Protein backbone atom coordinates (compact mmCIF):
# COMPACT_ATOMS: atom_id res chain seq x y z
CA MET A 1 17.43 1.46 -0.46
CA LYS A 2 14.99 -1.52 -1.48
CA GLN A 3 13.69 -1.56 -4.62
CA VAL A 4 9.68 -3.11 -4.24
CA VAL A 5 6.91 -2.56 -6.89
CA ILE A 6 3.76 -1.00 -5.62
CA VAL A 7 0.32 -2.65 -7.46
CA ILE A 8 -2.19 0.05 -7.57
CA ALA A 9 -5.64 -1.96 -7.25
CA GLY A 10 -8.18 -1.94 -9.94
CA SER A 11 -5.54 -0.39 -12.78
CA GLY A 12 -3.53 -3.00 -14.05
CA ARG A 13 -0.36 -0.49 -13.09
CA SER A 14 2.28 -1.04 -10.91
CA HIS A 15 5.43 1.10 -10.36
CA ASP A 16 8.80 -0.05 -9.40
CA VAL A 17 9.70 2.19 -6.32
CA THR A 18 13.02 2.73 -4.67
CA ILE A 19 12.47 3.30 -0.62
CA GLU A 20 14.95 4.58 1.67
CA PRO A 21 14.30 4.05 5.97
CA GLY A 22 12.09 6.41 7.22
CA THR A 23 9.52 6.28 4.32
CA THR A 24 5.80 6.09 4.48
CA PRO A 25 2.88 5.29 2.86
CA GLU A 26 2.12 8.80 2.43
CA ASP A 27 5.88 9.39 0.83
CA ILE A 28 5.03 6.59 -1.68
CA PHE A 29 1.48 7.55 -2.39
CA ARG A 30 2.97 11.42 -3.48
CA ASP A 31 5.56 10.50 -5.50
CA LEU A 32 3.43 8.10 -7.32
CA GLY A 33 0.89 11.44 -7.93
CA ILE A 34 -2.06 9.13 -6.75
CA GLY A 35 -3.41 11.59 -3.58
CA GLU A 36 -3.73 10.05 0.07
CA ASP A 37 -6.82 8.63 -0.18
CA PHE A 38 -4.89 5.24 -0.50
CA VAL A 39 -3.51 2.33 1.67
CA LEU A 40 -0.90 0.64 1.20
CA SER A 41 -0.65 -3.23 2.22
CA LYS A 42 1.46 -6.79 1.78
CA ASP A 43 0.20 -9.90 1.19
CA ASN A 44 -3.31 -9.61 -0.47
CA GLY A 45 -4.13 -7.19 2.25
CA ALA A 46 -3.49 -9.11 5.20
CA HIS A 47 -1.22 -6.38 6.22
CA VAL A 48 -1.79 -2.77 6.17
CA PHE A 49 -0.08 0.18 7.15
CA GLY A 50 -0.61 3.19 8.23
CA ASN A 51 -0.23 6.39 6.30
CA THR A 52 2.34 7.68 8.08
CA GLU A 53 4.08 4.58 9.33
CA ASN A 54 8.44 3.68 8.81
CA ILE A 55 7.20 0.88 6.16
CA TYR A 56 10.98 0.56 5.63
CA ALA A 57 11.49 -2.37 8.32
CA GLU A 58 8.65 -4.10 7.90
CA ILE A 59 8.77 -5.36 4.09
CA LYS A 60 11.93 -6.70 2.15
CA ASP A 61 13.40 -5.85 -0.82
CA GLY A 62 12.06 -6.43 -4.53
CA GLU A 63 8.49 -7.56 -2.26
CA LYS A 64 5.26 -6.22 -4.09
CA LEU A 65 3.26 -3.92 -2.43
CA HIS A 66 -0.58 -3.39 -2.71
CA ALA A 67 -2.13 0.17 -3.05
CA ALA A 68 -6.35 0.52 -2.91
CA SER A 69 -8.92 2.76 -2.19
CA ARG A 70 -9.90 3.69 0.87
CA THR A 71 -13.36 3.29 -0.20
CA ASP A 72 -12.24 0.29 -1.57
CA VAL A 73 -10.56 -1.46 1.38
CA GLY A 74 -13.80 0.01 3.95
CA HIS A 75 -16.30 -1.85 1.87
CA VAL A 76 -14.75 -4.92 1.88
CA ILE A 77 -13.84 -5.20 5.70
CA HIS A 78 -17.89 -3.80 6.13
CA HIS A 79 -18.43 -6.21 3.28
CA HIS A 80 -16.74 -9.53 5.22
CA GLY A 81 -18.15 -7.95 9.34
CA GLY A 82 -21.39 -8.03 7.96
CA SER A 83 -21.76 -12.12 6.36
CA ARG A 84 -20.05 -13.57 10.40
């Protein structure tokens, strides 16, 4: 089992979550009651996980992860893509 902190973008809220092998972002979102319209990332968005990806081996105990709405993430990608 690993302890992680999930920060909900734009809300200022964070949640301490215990995950076990096989945990996916969908599992975390369901447990937090925030729905599946979010994406989970680490390293300030540098690594975005697929919602059905097993994240257990990809993260460290105590790591801080970020949950952002798909709309916000899509806007950032579009914005950066359009400015190049």
